Amino acid sequence: MFPKLKKHYQYFSSTPGTDLVANERFQRKLDFLGLSSIRREAVKDLCDLYIEHHEKILTSFYEHLMAIPEFKEIINTYSHVDRLKITFDRHFRSLFQDDLDLQYIFDRRKIAHTHAKIGVLPDWMISAYTYINQMIIPLIIKKYSRDIEKAMDVLLAYETLVSIDQQIIVETYIEIQANSIVDGLGEIISYNTRLDQIKDLRDFQEIQMQDVMVVNEAMEQLEAGIEEASSSIQHITYDTQTALKELNKGISSLQSVQELLAVTDEGQGSVNEHVSDLVSTVNNVSQLVKFIQDLAEQTNLLALNASIEAARAGEAGKGFAIVAEEVRKLADHTKTSVKSVHEDIQKLLITTKKINELTTKSAEDLHIGSLEATGITKTLAALNENLQDQGENIEDVASASKQQATAANEIVDRIRNIAEHAVKSKELSHTTGEIIYTLSKMIIDYRTKTISKNFIISQEDVISLAITDHLLWRWRIYNLLSGFEQLSAEDIGTHKESRLGEWYDGMGRELLGDEPAFKELKAPHEQVHEIAKLAINAYNADKNQLAEKYLAELEACSQTVIEKLESLKEVILSRKAPYLTK
């Protein structure tokens, strides 16, 4: 079928590299495959060959796909054959005609993304290319059967381009898988690093446990006080009831005294009246004595006159003079006696007046005392009634205090249980913290093993990894302060040795070196490493408060780094966006 070859044809290009220019990753593929511009031009001749047979190729290809139940379901669910034929036709024409630029690459990446979304795995994509090759390669051989060198150039160029298509698609699938793992693990780690309440929970439970212990001790003291108060109230209740009984007796006696005072008050009134009568009688007697005294003086005066007249009468008046003398003597005696009686009556009058005043005063005082005794009796009776009610209330208080003592005992028992639970809760929170820390370590180890050089990772995912790295460093320092992690300053390393540092001085600078966020990233990134070392040294020197302060500063600097990285990630995505929308 083929004429005899005049010279040996090299399947691989003898020229290292390629004279085609593309972006860095694509350039490496072109160099490795040795796709030259001559071969690229050669494959453009296939466009007419494909157009001539495209209906048959597309029909055969989709009949073959529709015969597979899984693909039939996918096609009917997400599109239809006629629409897919148009898309497939446009793709193969670009294979033969389009420039090998970024748009060429992103067109193929979009195909991979679209098929990945609907569940078509890369092995099926490669199988699809193989099936298409089985239809196109015979057409190439048939067309160039008389020119073996041309046939080989076209075949190798076609095979190289299809291989590049397959590589781009497979790489995109790998990137999608890597992105899923990076984002998934990043989200898990991001959430896990936000579980920083364990330390706060442990600190809170430590304080809570101490408070519970203090409350428990206070309640035990209160319980003892309540029991003592309850006992005292029982004694007070007994003493109060005894006192109330005595008070009842006292009130009864007081009522008797009050009644006696009332009777005495009435009797005193009668005595007062008699004393008044006595004073009046003595006054009358005094007046009578005065009258007798006046009479005696007049008699004495008459006797004196009679004596004078008898003297004048001489001998005839001697008898009359004798009588007059006797009358005068009787009058003098009467006068003296009356004077003595008058003096005694005056003394009696003074005494009776004093007695009258005293009895009057005594009667008034007795009457007032009787009235006050009546009032006091009523007041004490009302007070007694209130005290009797209070006595009943004291009994209720005694009963309540007894119930309170019982309730206090129950509260103390429950607080003891709470104290025991607080201790267990603290142990559980510590255990939970250890479990979360161990889980995070497992996730980190899995992340380290999974995201290795075997993965093709996009630049935006590299930035996502750097963001997660910073979250993890803050998380490790936090766990150091929680007592779960052991670190030394040497474990931190320099900022240039980190994943972000290597990217920053390499691909990052090449792609984003002119971006403001890139320039602003350097200082906070260096600070993160320095502050992390300070925090570790402070903790290892038992300066926990200082370490907590550095942790807060580390979080602030790390947040700044993350914000700058998020900005750079947006820049990369915005640069890709135009290629994805065409």
Protein backbone atom coordinates (compact mmCIF):
# COMPACT_ATOMS: atom_id res chain seq x y z
CA MET A 1 0.00 0.00 0.00
CA PHE A 2 2.84 2.37 0.84
CA PRO A 3 5.89 2.82 -1.44
CA LYS A 4 9.21 1.76 -0.06
CA LEU A 5 10.80 4.33 2.18
CA LYS A 6 13.97 5.87 0.89
CA LYS A 7 15.09 6.97 4.33
CA HIS A 8 14.37 6.18 7.95
CA TYR A 9 11.63 8.42 9.36
CA GLN A 10 11.97 9.52 13.00
CA TYR A 11 8.73 9.20 14.91
CA PHE A 12 9.94 11.70 17.49
CA SER A 13 11.14 15.13 16.45
CA SER A 14 14.91 15.36 16.38
CA THR A 15 14.71 19.04 17.30
CA PRO A 16 14.56 19.57 21.05
CA GLY A 17 11.78 21.87 22.17
CA THR A 18 9.39 23.82 19.97
CA ASP A 19 9.39 27.05 18.08
CA LEU A 20 5.82 27.76 19.19
CA VAL A 21 5.35 30.26 22.04
CA ALA A 22 2.80 29.70 24.83
CA ASN A 23 2.38 30.21 28.55
CA GLU A 24 4.83 28.47 30.87
CA ARG A 25 2.96 25.27 31.69
CA PHE A 26 1.71 24.82 28.10
CA GLN A 27 5.18 25.69 26.77
CA ARG A 28 6.69 22.79 28.70
CA LYS A 29 4.25 20.39 27.06
CA LEU A 30 4.99 21.73 23.59
CA ASP A 31 8.74 21.45 24.26
CA PHE A 32 8.42 17.90 25.52
CA LEU A 33 6.26 16.77 22.57
CA GLY A 34 8.38 18.70 20.07
CA LEU A 35 5.40 20.14 18.24
CA SER A 36 6.92 22.49 15.66
CA SER A 37 5.18 25.20 13.67
CA ILE A 38 5.67 23.05 10.54
CA ARG A 39 3.75 20.19 12.08
CA ARG A 40 1.14 22.62 13.40
CA GLU A 41 0.64 23.92 9.85
CA ALA A 42 0.50 20.37 8.57
CA VAL A 43 -2.42 19.49 10.79
CA LYS A 44 -4.39 22.47 9.53
CA ASP A 45 -4.72 20.55 6.26
CA LEU A 46 -6.90 18.10 8.16
CA CYS A 47 -9.63 20.69 8.64
CA ASP A 48 -10.98 20.09 5.12
CA LEU A 49 -10.71 16.33 5.63
CA TYR A 50 -12.69 16.61 8.88
CA ILE A 51 -15.30 18.91 7.36
CA GLU A 52 -15.76 16.46 4.51
CA HIS A 53 -16.49 13.57 6.89
CA HIS A 54 -17.74 15.37 10.02
CA GLU A 55 -21.38 14.35 9.62
CA LYS A 56 -20.45 10.69 9.48
CA ILE A 57 -17.94 11.08 12.35
CA LEU A 58 -20.41 12.92 14.61
CA THR A 59 -23.29 10.58 13.83
CA SER A 60 -21.18 7.49 14.47
CA PHE A 61 -19.73 8.97 17.66
CA TYR A 62 -23.06 9.93 19.24
CA GLU A 63 -24.78 6.71 18.11
CA HIS A 64 -22.03 4.90 19.93
CA LEU A 65 -22.50 7.09 23.06
CA MET A 66 -26.29 6.76 23.04
CA ALA A 67 -25.89 2.98 22.99
CA ILE A 68 -24.34 3.24 26.45
CA PRO A 69 -27.17 3.65 29.03
CA GLU A 70 -25.16 5.87 31.40
CA PHE A 71 -24.26 8.33 28.64
CA LYS A 72 -27.74 8.25 27.18
CA GLU A 73 -29.15 9.29 30.55
CA ILE A 74 -26.53 12.05 30.96
CA ILE A 75 -27.13 13.42 27.44
CA ASN A 76 -30.92 13.38 27.81
CA THR A 77 -30.69 14.99 31.27
CA TYR A 78 -28.32 17.84 30.50
CA SER A 79 -28.57 18.43 26.74
CA HIS A 80 -29.50 16.71 23.47
CA VAL A 81 -27.56 15.11 20.63
CA ASP A 82 -28.04 17.85 18.03
CA ARG A 83 -26.78 20.52 20.41
CA LEU A 84 -23.80 18.39 21.42
CA LYS A 85 -22.94 17.75 17.75
CA ILE A 86 -22.64 21.50 17.19
CA THR A 87 -20.40 21.89 20.24
CA PHE A 88 -18.25 18.90 19.27
CA ASP A 89 -17.95 20.12 15.69
CA ARG A 90 -16.79 23.57 16.87
CA HIS A 91 -14.23 21.95 19.15
CA PHE A 92 -12.66 19.78 16.43
CA ARG A 93 -12.49 22.62 13.96
CA SER A 94 -10.58 24.64 16.59
CA LEU A 95 -8.20 21.69 16.97
CA PHE A 96 -7.14 22.13 13.38
CA GLN A 97 -7.42 25.91 13.02
CA ASP A 98 -7.00 27.86 16.27
CA ASP A 99 -3.79 29.32 17.63
CA LEU A 100 -2.23 27.54 20.58
CA ASP A 101 -2.80 30.37 23.01
CA LEU A 102 -4.45 30.77 26.39
CA GLN A 103 -7.91 30.85 24.86
CA TYR A 104 -7.14 27.50 23.20
CA ILE A 105 -6.23 26.07 26.61
CA PHE A 106 -9.23 27.54 28.46
CA ASP A 107 -11.64 26.29 25.79
CA ARG A 108 -10.49 22.76 26.57
CA ARG A 109 -10.55 23.43 30.31
CA LYS A 110 -14.18 24.51 29.99
CA ILE A 111 -14.96 21.16 28.30
CA ALA A 112 -13.37 19.34 31.23
CA HIS A 113 -15.23 21.48 33.79
CA THR A 114 -18.54 20.94 32.02
CA HIS A 115 -18.13 17.16 31.83
CA ALA A 116 -16.85 16.97 35.40
CA LYS A 117 -20.00 18.75 36.63
CA ILE A 118 -22.28 16.17 34.99
CA GLY A 119 -20.23 13.22 36.26
CA VAL A 120 -18.24 12.19 33.17
CA LEU A 121 -14.89 10.89 34.40
CA PRO A 122 -11.58 11.51 32.54
CA ASP A 123 -11.18 7.86 31.51
CA TRP A 124 -14.35 8.21 29.44
CA MET A 125 -13.02 11.42 27.91
CA ILE A 126 -9.82 9.61 26.86
CA SER A 127 -11.90 6.72 25.51
CA ALA A 128 -13.95 9.23 23.49
CA TYR A 129 -10.76 10.66 21.94
CA THR A 130 -9.58 7.11 21.18
CA TYR A 131 -12.87 6.34 19.42
CA ILE A 132 -12.61 9.54 17.36
CA ASN A 133 -8.98 8.66 16.51
CA GLN A 134 -10.15 5.30 15.20
CA MET A 135 -12.29 7.19 12.68
CA ILE A 136 -9.91 10.03 11.76
CA ILE A 137 -6.55 8.20 11.55
CA PRO A 138 -7.73 5.90 8.73
CA LEU A 139 -8.92 8.97 6.85
CA ILE A 140 -5.48 10.58 7.23
CA ILE A 141 -3.69 7.46 6.04
CA LYS A 142 -6.04 7.16 3.11
CA LYS A 143 -5.57 10.80 2.09
CA TYR A 144 -1.78 10.83 2.34
CA SER A 145 -1.07 7.24 1.29
CA ARG A 146 1.19 8.36 -1.53
CA ASP A 147 3.31 10.70 0.63
CA ILE A 148 4.52 8.80 3.65
CA GLU A 149 6.49 11.68 5.13
CA LYS A 150 3.52 13.99 4.84
CA ALA A 151 1.30 11.31 6.30
CA MET A 152 3.67 10.84 9.25
CA ASP A 153 3.93 14.60 9.86
CA VAL A 154 0.18 14.99 9.80
CA LEU A 155 -0.36 11.90 11.96
CA LEU A 156 2.24 12.99 14.53
CA ALA A 157 0.92 16.55 14.59
CA TYR A 158 -2.64 15.28 14.96
CA GLU A 159 -1.62 12.78 17.64
CA THR A 160 0.35 15.53 19.48
CA LEU A 161 -2.58 17.94 19.45
CA VAL A 162 -5.00 15.24 20.60
CA SER A 163 -2.50 14.27 23.27
CA ILE A 164 -2.28 17.92 24.36
CA ASP A 165 -6.09 18.06 24.41
CA GLN A 166 -6.17 14.96 26.56
CA GLN A 167 -3.44 16.30 28.86
CA ILE A 168 -5.22 19.62 29.29
CA ILE A 169 -8.45 17.81 30.08
CA VAL A 170 -6.77 15.35 32.46
CA GLU A 171 -4.85 18.20 34.12
CA THR A 172 -8.09 20.10 34.49
CA TYR A 173 -9.71 17.08 36.08
CA ILE A 174 -6.72 16.82 38.42
CA GLU A 175 -6.99 20.53 39.19
CA ILE A 176 -10.71 20.12 39.84
CA GLN A 177 -9.97 17.23 42.16
CA ALA A 178 -7.16 19.18 43.81
CA ASN A 179 -9.40 22.22 44.11
CA SER A 180 -12.11 20.07 45.68
CA ILE A 181 -9.61 18.67 48.17
CA VAL A 182 -7.97 22.05 48.80
CA ASP A 183 -11.31 23.77 49.28
CA GLY A 184 -12.83 20.87 51.21
CA LEU A 185 -9.87 20.41 53.52
CA GLY A 186 -9.44 24.17 53.70
CA GLU A 187 -13.05 24.58 54.77
CA ILE A 188 -12.73 21.76 57.32
CA ILE A 189 -9.48 23.18 58.66
CA SER A 190 -10.91 26.71 58.66
CA TYR A 191 -13.91 25.50 60.64
CA ASN A 192 -11.70 23.37 62.86
CA THR A 193 -9.45 26.33 63.63
CA ARG A 194 -12.53 28.28 64.67
CA LEU A 195 -13.17 25.69 67.36
CA ASP A 196 -11.04 27.79 69.67
CA GLN A 197 -13.71 27.96 72.34
CA ILE A 198 -12.32 24.82 73.98
CA LYS A 199 -9.69 26.80 75.84
CA ASP A 200 -12.28 29.42 76.78
CA LEU A 201 -14.60 26.59 77.80
CA ARG A 202 -11.91 25.01 79.94
CA ASP A 203 -11.07 28.37 81.53
CA PHE A 204 -14.77 29.03 82.09
CA GLN A 205 -15.31 25.58 83.58
CA GLU A 206 -12.30 26.06 85.84
CA ILE A 207 -13.82 29.31 87.12
CA GLN A 208 -17.25 27.68 87.26
CA MET A 209 -15.88 24.73 89.22
CA GLN A 210 -14.21 27.08 91.69
CA ASP A 211 -17.44 29.06 91.99
CA VAL A 212 -19.41 25.87 92.53
CA MET A 213 -16.96 24.81 95.23
CA VAL A 214 -17.31 28.20 96.91
CA VAL A 215 -21.11 28.01 96.61
CA ASN A 216 -21.03 24.47 97.94
CA GLU A 217 -19.00 25.56 100.94
CA ALA A 218 -21.27 28.57 101.47
CA MET A 219 -24.37 26.38 101.20
CA GLU A 220 -22.96 23.93 103.71
CA GLN A 221 -22.40 26.84 106.07
CA LEU A 222 -25.86 28.16 105.25
CA GLU A 223 -27.32 24.72 105.84
CA ALA A 224 -25.68 24.59 109.26
CA GLY A 225 -26.92 28.11 109.97
CA ILE A 226 -30.46 27.22 108.85
CA GLU A 227 -30.48 24.11 111.00
CA GLU A 228 -29.21 26.13 113.95
CA ALA A 229 -31.78 28.86 113.24
CA SER A 230 -34.49 26.23 112.93
CA SER A 231 -33.51 24.79 116.30
CA SER A 232 -33.45 28.29 117.83
CA ILE A 233 -36.85 29.05 116.34
CA GLN A 234 -38.23 25.86 117.87
CA HIS A 235 -36.96 26.98 121.27
CA ILE A 236 -38.27 30.50 120.69
CA THR A 237 -41.64 29.06 119.71
CA TYR A 238 -41.79 27.07 122.93
CA ASP A 239 -40.67 30.05 125.04
CA THR A 240 -43.10 32.34 123.21
CA GLN A 241 -46.02 30.01 123.84
CA THR A 242 -45.07 29.79 127.53
CA ALA A 243 -44.73 33.60 127.74
CA LEU A 244 -48.08 34.05 126.03
CA LYS A 245 -49.74 31.80 128.56
CA GLU A 246 -48.19 33.84 131.38
CA LEU A 247 -49.25 37.00 129.60
CA ASN A 248 -52.80 35.73 129.49
CA LYS A 249 -52.66 35.20 133.23
CA GLY A 250 -51.13 38.68 133.70
CA ILE A 251 -53.85 40.25 131.60
CA SER A 252 -56.48 38.50 133.69
CA SER A 253 -54.84 39.79 136.91
CA LEU A 254 -54.54 43.26 135.43
CA GLN A 255 -58.22 43.22 134.60
CA SER A 256 -58.94 42.33 138.23
CA VAL A 257 -56.72 45.20 139.42
CA GLN A 258 -58.46 47.51 136.99
CA GLU A 259 -61.82 46.47 138.35
CA LEU A 260 -60.53 47.00 141.92
CA LEU A 261 -59.21 50.42 140.98
CA ALA A 262 -62.59 51.29 139.52
CA VAL A 263 -64.28 50.32 142.78
CA THR A 264 -61.63 52.16 144.81
CA ASP A 265 -62.08 55.19 142.58
CA GLU A 266 -65.76 55.18 143.39
CA GLY A 267 -65.01 54.81 147.13
CA GLN A 268 -62.40 57.56 146.98
CA GLY A 269 -65.01 59.83 145.53
CA SER A 270 -67.22 59.17 148.51
CA VAL A 271 -64.32 59.76 150.96
CA ASN A 272 -63.54 63.00 149.19
CA GLU A 273 -67.11 64.12 149.69
CA HIS A 274 -66.95 63.28 153.46
CA VAL A 275 -63.67 65.12 153.86
CA SER A 276 -65.21 68.11 152.16
CA ASP A 277 -68.11 67.92 154.63
CA LEU A 278 -65.60 67.68 157.47
CA VAL A 279 -63.77 70.79 156.30
CA SER A 280 -67.09 72.58 156.05
CA THR A 281 -68.07 71.48 159.58
CA VAL A 282 -64.72 72.57 161.01
CA ASN A 283 -65.20 75.91 159.33
CA ASN A 284 -68.61 76.22 160.98
CA VAL A 285 -67.15 75.30 164.39
CA SER A 286 -64.46 77.89 163.88
CA GLN A 287 -67.11 80.47 163.25
CA LEU A 288 -68.96 79.39 166.44
CA VAL A 289 -65.78 79.66 168.53
CA LYS A 290 -65.20 83.08 167.15
CA PHE A 291 -68.71 84.00 168.17
CA ILE A 292 -68.15 82.68 171.73
CA GLN A 293 -64.85 84.57 171.86
CA ASP A 294 -66.62 87.74 170.85
CA LEU A 295 -69.29 87.03 173.46
CA ALA A 296 -66.64 86.47 176.17
CA GLU A 297 -64.97 89.74 175.31
CA GLN A 298 -68.30 91.55 175.50
CA THR A 299 -69.05 89.82 178.85
CA ASN A 300 -65.63 90.81 180.13
CA LEU A 301 -66.32 94.37 179.04
CA LEU A 302 -69.71 94.33 180.76
CA ALA A 303 -68.14 92.90 183.92
CA LEU A 304 -65.57 95.66 183.87
CA ASN A 305 -68.25 98.24 183.50
CA ALA A 306 -70.20 96.59 186.30
CA SER A 307 -67.16 96.74 188.57
CA ILE A 308 -66.72 100.37 187.80
CA GLU A 309 -70.36 101.07 188.57
CA ALA A 310 -70.18 98.98 191.77
CA ALA A 311 -67.21 100.97 192.90
CA ARG A 312 -69.11 104.09 192.38
CA ALA A 313 -72.03 102.68 194.39
CA GLY A 314 -69.82 102.07 197.29
CA GLU A 315 -70.94 99.68 199.95
CA ALA A 316 -74.17 99.11 198.17
CA GLY A 317 -72.51 97.89 195.17
CA LYS A 318 -70.11 95.40 196.86
CA GLY A 319 -72.31 92.43 196.14
CA PHE A 320 -72.72 93.48 192.60
CA ALA A 321 -68.99 94.06 192.38
CA ILE A 322 -68.33 90.57 193.61
CA VAL A 323 -70.66 89.16 190.98
CA ALA A 324 -69.17 91.36 188.39
CA GLU A 325 -65.68 90.14 189.34
CA GLU A 326 -66.76 86.57 189.09
CA VAL A 327 -68.40 87.24 185.77
CA ARG A 328 -65.21 88.95 184.60
CA LYS A 329 -63.12 85.96 185.77
CA LEU A 330 -65.54 83.62 184.02
CA ALA A 331 -65.31 85.73 180.91
CA ASP A 332 -61.48 85.73 181.08
CA HIS A 333 -61.46 82.00 181.60
CA THR A 334 -63.94 81.57 178.80
CA LYS A 335 -61.83 83.79 176.62
CA THR A 336 -58.69 81.81 177.42
CA SER A 337 -60.49 78.51 176.84
CA VAL A 338 -62.07 79.76 173.65
CA LYS A 339 -58.68 81.01 172.48
CA SER A 340 -57.20 77.59 173.13
CA VAL A 341 -60.12 75.93 171.39
CA HIS A 342 -59.83 78.38 168.50
CA GLU A 343 -56.17 77.62 168.10
CA ASP A 344 -56.92 73.89 168.10
CA ILE A 345 -59.75 74.37 165.65
CA GLN A 346 -57.45 76.42 163.40
CA LYS A 347 -54.90 73.61 163.47
CA LEU A 348 -57.72 71.13 162.79
CA LEU A 349 -58.93 73.33 159.95
CA ILE A 350 -55.42 73.43 158.44
CA THR A 351 -55.14 69.67 158.85
CA THR A 352 -58.59 69.04 157.40
CA LYS A 353 -57.78 71.35 154.48
CA LYS A 354 -54.57 69.43 153.85
CA ILE A 355 -56.49 66.20 154.14
CA ASN A 356 -59.04 67.61 151.72
CA GLU A 357 -56.33 68.64 149.28
CA LEU A 358 -54.62 65.27 149.58
CA THR A 359 -57.84 63.33 149.23
CA THR A 360 -58.84 65.50 146.28
CA LYS A 361 -55.46 64.97 144.65
CA SER A 362 -55.51 61.31 145.52
CA ALA A 363 -58.99 60.99 144.11
CA GLU A 364 -57.95 62.71 140.90
CA ASP A 365 -54.82 60.57 140.62
CA LEU A 366 -56.78 57.47 141.42
CA HIS A 367 -59.38 58.37 138.83
CA ILE A 368 -56.70 59.05 136.21
CA GLY A 369 -54.91 55.85 137.22
CA SER A 370 -58.17 53.97 136.91
CA LEU A 371 -58.75 55.42 133.46
CA GLU A 372 -55.15 54.66 132.43
CA ALA A 373 -55.42 51.18 133.89
CA THR A 374 -58.55 50.68 131.81
CA GLY A 375 -56.71 51.96 128.71
CA ILE A 376 -53.65 49.84 129.49
CA THR A 377 -55.83 46.84 130.00
CA LYS A 378 -57.47 47.38 126.62
CA THR A 379 -54.07 48.01 124.97
CA LEU A 380 -52.55 44.95 126.60
CA ALA A 381 -55.57 42.92 125.63
CA ALA A 382 -55.17 44.01 122.00
CA LEU A 383 -51.40 43.42 122.24
CA ASN A 384 -52.05 40.03 123.74
CA GLU A 385 -54.35 39.23 120.85
CA ASN A 386 -51.65 40.30 118.37
CA LEU A 387 -49.02 38.37 120.28
CA GLN A 388 -51.23 35.31 120.19
CA ASP A 389 -51.46 35.75 116.41
CA GLN A 390 -47.68 36.24 116.26
CA GLY A 391 -47.32 33.12 118.32
CA GLU A 392 -49.24 31.24 115.66
CA ASN A 393 -47.05 32.91 113.00
CA ILE A 394 -43.94 31.86 114.89
CA GLU A 395 -45.24 28.32 114.79
CA ASP A 396 -45.65 28.72 111.01
CA VAL A 397 -42.12 30.17 110.83
CA ALA A 398 -40.84 27.24 112.86
CA SER A 399 -42.54 24.84 110.46
CA ALA A 400 -41.24 26.78 107.44
CA SER A 401 -37.72 26.90 108.87
CA LYS A 402 -37.86 23.17 109.34
CA GLN A 403 -38.93 22.75 105.72
CA GLN A 404 -36.23 25.23 104.68
CA ALA A 405 -33.63 23.22 106.53
CA THR A 406 -34.81 20.12 104.66
CA ALA A 407 -34.72 22.04 101.35
CA ALA A 408 -31.24 23.37 102.19
CA ASN A 409 -30.08 19.80 102.73
CA GLU A 410 -31.42 18.85 99.29
CA ILE A 411 -29.78 21.92 97.70
CA VAL A 412 -26.44 21.08 99.30
CA ASP A 413 -26.73 17.53 97.99
CA ARG A 414 -27.49 18.82 94.51
CA ILE A 415 -24.66 21.34 94.63
CA ARG A 416 -22.33 18.50 95.60
CA ASN A 417 -23.58 16.65 92.53
CA ILE A 418 -23.07 19.79 90.42
CA ALA A 419 -19.54 20.11 91.80
CA GLU A 420 -18.83 16.51 90.85
CA HIS A 421 -20.33 17.10 87.39
CA ALA A 422 -18.26 20.28 87.03
CA VAL A 423 -15.11 18.27 87.65
CA LYS A 424 -16.24 15.65 85.13
CA SER A 425 -17.25 18.40 82.68
CA LYS A 426 -13.79 19.93 82.95
CA GLU A 427 -12.24 16.53 82.27
CA LEU A 428 -14.62 16.03 79.32
CA SER A 429 -13.81 19.46 77.86
CA HIS A 430 -10.10 18.64 78.11
CA THR A 431 -10.72 15.27 76.46
CA THR A 432 -12.86 16.97 73.78
CA GLY A 433 -10.07 19.47 73.16
CA GLU A 434 -7.58 16.62 72.80
CA ILE A 435 -9.93 14.82 70.38
CA ILE A 436 -10.41 17.97 68.28
CA TYR A 437 -6.67 18.57 68.29
CA THR A 438 -5.97 14.95 67.30
CA LEU A 439 -8.60 15.17 64.57
CA SER A 440 -7.06 18.38 63.26
CA LYS A 441 -3.62 16.72 63.25
CA MET A 442 -5.05 13.83 61.25
CA ILE A 443 -6.64 16.27 58.79
CA ILE A 444 -3.38 18.20 58.49
CA ASP A 445 -1.40 15.00 57.92
CA TYR A 446 -3.93 13.87 55.32
CA ARG A 447 -3.72 17.30 53.67
CA THR A 448 0.08 17.13 53.58
CA LYS A 449 0.09 13.64 52.06
CA THR A 450 -2.74 14.30 49.62
CA ILE A 451 -1.68 17.68 48.30
CA SER A 452 1.71 16.63 47.08
CA LYS A 453 3.66 16.93 43.83
CA ASN A 454 1.33 14.33 42.35
CA PHE A 455 -1.36 17.02 42.16
CA ILE A 456 -1.59 19.76 39.58
CA ILE A 457 -2.64 22.81 41.57
CA SER A 458 -3.82 26.11 40.14
CA GLN A 459 -2.38 29.39 41.37
CA GLU A 460 -5.60 30.30 43.14
CA ASP A 461 -5.42 26.96 44.96
CA VAL A 462 -1.80 27.63 45.90
CA ILE A 463 -3.03 30.85 47.51
CA SER A 464 -5.84 28.94 49.23
CA LEU A 465 -3.23 26.54 50.63
CA ALA A 466 -1.20 29.50 51.92
CA ILE A 467 -4.33 30.90 53.61
CA THR A 468 -4.97 27.54 55.26
CA ASP A 469 -1.30 27.38 56.32
CA HIS A 470 -1.72 30.64 58.23
CA LEU A 471 -4.91 29.46 59.85
CA LEU A 472 -3.07 26.33 60.94
CA TRP A 473 -0.16 28.24 62.46
CA ARG A 474 -2.50 30.32 64.54
CA TRP A 475 -4.30 27.04 65.46
CA ARG A 476 -1.05 25.36 66.49
CA ILE A 477 -0.08 28.29 68.75
CA TYR A 478 -3.58 28.22 70.25
CA ASN A 479 -3.22 24.48 70.97
CA LEU A 480 0.22 25.15 72.44
CA LEU A 481 -1.39 27.54 74.93
CA SER A 482 -4.12 24.96 75.56
CA GLY A 483 -1.52 22.36 76.49
CA PHE A 484 -2.11 20.05 73.51
CA GLU A 485 0.80 21.04 71.26
CA GLN A 486 4.54 21.16 71.87
CA LEU A 487 6.51 23.68 69.85
CA SER A 488 9.83 25.46 69.90
CA ALA A 489 10.83 28.64 68.09
CA GLU A 490 12.94 26.52 65.70
CA ASP A 491 9.75 24.78 64.50
CA ILE A 492 8.52 28.04 62.99
CA GLY A 493 11.41 28.69 60.59
CA THR A 494 11.75 31.86 58.55
CA HIS A 495 9.04 33.39 56.39
CA LYS A 496 11.09 32.59 53.27
CA GLU A 497 11.09 28.85 54.07
CA SER A 498 7.30 28.60 54.19
CA ARG A 499 5.07 27.59 51.28
CA LEU A 500 3.94 31.20 50.98
CA GLY A 501 7.54 32.48 51.13
CA GLU A 502 8.66 30.19 48.32
CA TRP A 503 5.64 31.12 46.21
CA TYR A 504 6.14 34.82 47.00
CA ASP A 505 9.72 34.84 45.72
CA GLY A 506 8.90 32.60 42.77
CA MET A 507 5.69 32.25 40.75
CA GLY A 508 3.88 34.81 42.89
CA ARG A 509 6.35 37.57 42.06
CA GLU A 510 6.33 36.58 38.40
CA LEU A 511 2.53 36.69 38.10
CA LEU A 512 1.53 39.33 40.66
CA GLY A 513 4.67 41.30 41.52
CA ASP A 514 3.15 44.62 40.44
CA GLU A 515 -0.06 44.23 42.43
CA PRO A 516 -0.37 46.52 45.53
CA ALA A 517 -1.65 43.62 47.65
CA PHE A 518 1.44 41.60 46.73
CA LYS A 519 3.76 44.39 47.85
CA GLU A 520 1.76 44.88 51.07
CA LEU A 521 1.93 41.17 51.87
CA LYS A 522 5.61 40.95 52.76
CA ALA A 523 5.67 42.89 56.08
CA PRO A 524 2.73 41.18 57.83
CA HIS A 525 3.97 37.78 56.60
CA GLU A 526 7.34 38.38 58.27
CA GLN A 527 5.57 39.60 61.43
CA VAL A 528 3.50 36.43 61.62
CA HIS A 529 6.64 34.30 61.87
CA GLU A 530 8.33 36.63 64.38
CA ILE A 531 5.27 36.94 66.64
CA ALA A 532 4.72 33.18 66.52
CA LYS A 533 8.27 32.68 67.83
CA LEU A 534 7.69 35.25 70.60
CA ALA A 535 4.46 33.49 71.62
CA ILE A 536 6.19 30.10 71.76
CA ASN A 537 9.13 31.44 73.78
CA ALA A 538 6.77 33.23 76.20
CA TYR A 539 4.70 30.08 76.76
CA ASN A 540 7.74 27.88 77.23
CA ALA A 541 9.00 30.43 79.81
CA ASP A 542 5.66 30.07 81.73
CA LYS A 543 4.64 33.63 80.78
CA ASN A 544 1.13 32.64 79.78
CA GLN A 545 -0.40 36.11 79.82
CA LEU A 546 2.34 37.40 77.55
CA ALA A 547 1.82 34.40 75.27
CA GLU A 548 -1.93 35.18 75.13
CA LYS A 549 -1.06 38.76 74.14
CA TYR A 550 1.20 37.53 71.33
CA LEU A 551 -1.51 35.12 70.19
CA ALA A 552 -3.92 38.05 69.77
CA GLU A 553 -1.26 39.99 67.81
CA LEU A 554 -0.55 36.90 65.71
CA GLU A 555 -4.23 36.55 64.86
CA ALA A 556 -4.39 40.21 63.76
CA CYS A 557 -1.27 39.91 61.54
CA SER A 558 -2.41 36.59 60.15
CA GLN A 559 -5.78 38.11 59.28
CA THR A 560 -4.00 40.87 57.37
CA VAL A 561 -1.99 38.25 55.44
CA ILE A 562 -5.19 36.34 54.62
CA GLU A 563 -6.91 39.51 53.40
CA LYS A 564 -3.98 40.28 51.07
CA LEU A 565 -3.97 36.71 49.78
CA GLU A 566 -7.72 36.82 49.17
CA SER A 567 -7.19 40.00 47.13
CA LEU A 568 -4.47 38.32 45.05
CA LYS A 569 -6.70 35.30 44.54
CA GLU A 570 -9.40 37.60 43.17
CA VAL A 571 -6.84 39.14 40.80
CA ILE A 572 -5.96 35.70 39.38
CA LEU A 573 -9.61 34.74 38.99
CA SER A 574 -10.39 38.06 37.32
CA ARG A 575 -7.54 37.48 34.84
CA LYS A 576 -8.95 34.05 33.96
CA ALA A 577 -12.53 35.27 33.69
CA PRO A 578 -12.31 36.67 30.11
CA TYR A 579 -11.11 33.29 28.79
CA LEU A 580 -13.90 31.43 30.55
CA THR A 581 -16.69 33.66 29.21
CA LYS A 582 -15.80 33.37 25.51
